[in-house]
Amino acid sequence: MFNLLKRARILPLIFFQFMDIGFSEEAKISEISVTVQCSDKDSGWVYVALHNKGKTFPKKGNGAAYLSKAKISKGQVKVTFSEIPHGTYAISAFYDENGNGKLDCNFLGIPKERAGVSNNYSGLPKWEKSKFDVSSTVPLKIAIDLRG
């Protein structure tokens, strides 16, 4: 009888501990809103990739953790990535001028289409220069400029 009462007291404690774990994990989720400026364009598509590791950044967008495609409206695109776990990320984006669904590059690997990365780093995109940390539940806002 004593063992049964002891178990009856322990089970609710275990249950509430699991509930607490669930709530604390939920608090480590955030949202990232990305605005891509392409002001002289009013039609076409912009592809946005949210990378969580340097080996996919920036050219392997299909290998990124999160992908989005959005139609340009009034010279810009707004994309929101929801339920993003805390961590380190970088964003790459490009305007698909010819509508083939990929970033076209010349024989040296230099993009022929407009492309940009987080932190608006210019030059050869590097993970170290483009990465940022997501460590708050407050939504993060990122702007990328693809204006020519």
Protein backbone atom coordinates (compact mmCIF):
# COMPACT_ATOMS: atom_id res chain seq x y z
CA MET A 1 0.00 0.00 0.00
CA PHE A 2 2.84 2.39 0.86
CA ASN A 3 4.53 1.74 -2.52
CA LEU A 4 1.28 2.51 -4.35
CA LEU A 5 0.91 5.85 -2.53
CA LYS A 6 4.54 6.70 -3.19
CA ARG A 7 4.10 6.00 -6.92
CA ALA A 8 0.90 8.05 -7.02
CA ARG A 9 2.88 11.05 -5.72
CA ILE A 10 5.82 10.56 -8.07
CA LEU A 11 3.83 10.17 -11.30
CA PRO A 12 2.42 13.73 -11.26
CA LEU A 13 5.94 15.08 -10.61
CA ILE A 14 7.32 13.20 -13.59
CA PHE A 15 4.42 14.41 -15.75
CA PHE A 16 5.00 18.05 -14.80
CA GLN A 17 8.73 17.71 -15.41
CA PHE A 18 8.02 16.57 -18.99
CA MET A 19 5.57 19.43 -19.43
CA ASP A 20 8.23 21.84 -18.20
CA ILE A 21 10.74 20.45 -20.70
CA GLY A 22 8.20 20.98 -23.47
CA PHE A 23 7.65 24.58 -22.50
CA SER A 24 11.35 25.37 -22.22
CA GLU A 25 12.02 23.88 -25.67
CA GLU A 26 9.17 25.93 -27.09
CA ALA A 27 10.81 29.09 -25.76
CA LYS A 28 13.88 28.37 -27.91
CA ILE A 29 11.95 28.95 -31.14
CA SER A 30 12.00 32.22 -33.05
CA GLU A 31 10.83 33.84 -36.25
CA ILE A 32 12.94 35.51 -38.94
CA SER A 33 11.39 38.04 -41.32
CA VAL A 34 13.42 38.80 -44.44
CA THR A 35 12.80 41.78 -46.71
CA VAL A 36 14.59 41.65 -50.05
CA GLN A 37 14.81 44.94 -51.95
CA CYS A 38 14.85 44.81 -55.73
CA SER A 39 13.26 48.20 -56.32
CA ASP A 40 13.63 48.49 -60.09
CA LYS A 41 11.81 45.17 -60.62
CA ASP A 42 8.09 44.63 -60.38
CA SER A 43 7.74 41.08 -61.62
CA GLY A 44 9.51 37.76 -61.23
CA TRP A 45 10.60 35.61 -58.33
CA VAL A 46 13.13 35.88 -55.53
CA TYR A 47 14.50 32.75 -53.87
CA VAL A 48 15.55 33.02 -50.22
CA ALA A 49 17.52 30.32 -48.37
CA LEU A 50 18.13 30.21 -44.63
CA HIS A 51 21.32 28.22 -44.02
CA ASN A 52 22.33 26.70 -40.69
CA LYS A 53 25.80 25.54 -41.76
CA GLY A 54 28.62 27.02 -43.76
CA LYS A 55 29.00 24.16 -46.21
CA THR A 56 25.66 24.92 -47.93
CA PHE A 57 26.17 28.69 -47.89
CA PRO A 58 25.66 30.48 -50.23
CA LYS A 59 25.53 28.45 -53.45
CA LYS A 60 23.82 25.26 -52.30
CA GLY A 61 20.44 26.81 -51.57
CA ASN A 62 18.67 23.49 -52.06
CA GLY A 63 20.75 22.15 -49.16
CA ALA A 64 19.74 24.99 -46.84
CA ALA A 65 17.67 24.25 -43.75
CA TYR A 66 14.78 26.47 -44.96
CA LEU A 67 13.83 27.67 -48.43
CA SER A 68 11.27 30.12 -49.74
CA LYS A 69 10.24 31.52 -53.11
CA ALA A 70 8.24 34.75 -53.33
CA LYS A 71 6.87 36.94 -56.10
CA ILE A 72 8.16 40.50 -56.30
CA SER A 73 5.59 43.17 -55.51
CA LYS A 74 6.37 46.88 -55.60
CA GLY A 75 10.10 46.25 -55.81
CA GLN A 76 10.42 43.98 -52.82
CA VAL A 77 9.76 40.57 -51.36
CA LYS A 78 8.89 39.70 -47.77
CA VAL A 79 9.47 36.18 -46.49
CA THR A 80 8.95 34.86 -42.97
CA PHE A 81 10.62 31.74 -41.60
CA SER A 82 8.66 30.52 -38.57
CA GLU A 83 9.51 28.14 -35.75
CA ILE A 84 13.26 28.53 -36.22
CA PRO A 85 15.34 26.87 -33.48
CA HIS A 86 17.94 29.06 -31.83
CA GLY A 87 21.33 28.81 -33.48
CA THR A 88 23.61 30.39 -36.06
CA TYR A 89 22.30 31.13 -39.55
CA ALA A 90 23.06 33.01 -42.76
CA ILE A 91 20.70 33.98 -45.58
CA SER A 92 21.28 33.94 -49.31
CA ALA A 93 18.83 35.38 -51.84
CA PHE A 94 18.69 35.87 -55.59
CA TYR A 95 16.40 37.37 -58.19
CA ASP A 96 15.65 34.77 -60.86
CA GLU A 97 15.80 37.01 -63.93
CA ASN A 98 15.21 34.29 -66.51
CA GLY A 99 12.74 32.18 -64.51
CA ASN A 100 14.73 28.93 -64.60
CA GLY A 101 14.62 28.41 -60.82
CA LYS A 102 18.37 28.57 -60.26
CA LEU A 103 21.12 31.13 -59.77
CA ASP A 104 22.98 31.39 -63.06
CA CYS A 105 26.74 31.95 -62.82
CA ASN A 106 29.50 32.51 -65.34
CA PHE A 107 32.42 30.11 -65.84
CA LEU A 108 34.22 31.63 -62.82
CA GLY A 109 31.22 31.02 -60.55
CA ILE A 110 30.27 34.70 -60.38
CA PRO A 111 26.48 35.20 -60.43
CA LYS A 112 24.97 36.58 -63.63
CA GLU A 113 21.77 37.34 -61.72
CA ARG A 114 21.32 39.63 -58.74
CA ALA A 115 22.27 37.92 -55.51
CA GLY A 116 22.80 38.97 -51.92
CA VAL A 117 23.45 37.65 -48.44
CA SER A 118 22.65 38.56 -44.85
CA ASN A 119 24.58 41.47 -43.36
CA ASN A 120 24.68 42.80 -46.96
CA TYR A 121 28.27 41.62 -47.20
CA SER A 122 29.72 42.51 -50.59
CA GLY A 123 32.40 40.57 -52.37
CA LEU A 124 32.72 36.80 -52.32
CA PRO A 125 30.07 35.71 -49.79
CA LYS A 126 31.56 34.12 -46.68
CA TRP A 127 29.78 32.32 -43.86
CA GLU A 128 31.84 34.16 -41.23
CA LYS A 129 30.85 37.59 -42.61
CA SER A 130 27.19 36.75 -43.26
CA LYS A 131 26.18 34.67 -40.25
CA PHE A 132 24.05 35.89 -37.36
CA ASP A 133 22.75 34.36 -34.14
CA VAL A 134 19.14 33.62 -33.31
CA SER A 135 18.94 33.50 -29.52
CA SER A 136 15.72 35.29 -28.61
CA THR A 137 12.02 34.65 -29.03
CA VAL A 138 11.67 38.21 -30.32
CA PRO A 139 11.18 38.08 -34.13
CA LEU A 140 14.34 38.99 -36.05
CA LYS A 141 14.20 41.30 -39.08
CA ILE A 142 16.79 40.98 -41.85
CA ALA A 143 17.09 43.19 -44.95
CA ILE A 144 18.92 42.19 -48.11
CA ASP A 145 19.50 44.62 -50.98
CA LEU A 146 19.51 43.22 -54.52
CA ARG A 147 19.25 46.60 -56.25
CA GLY A 148 21.61 46.86 -59.18
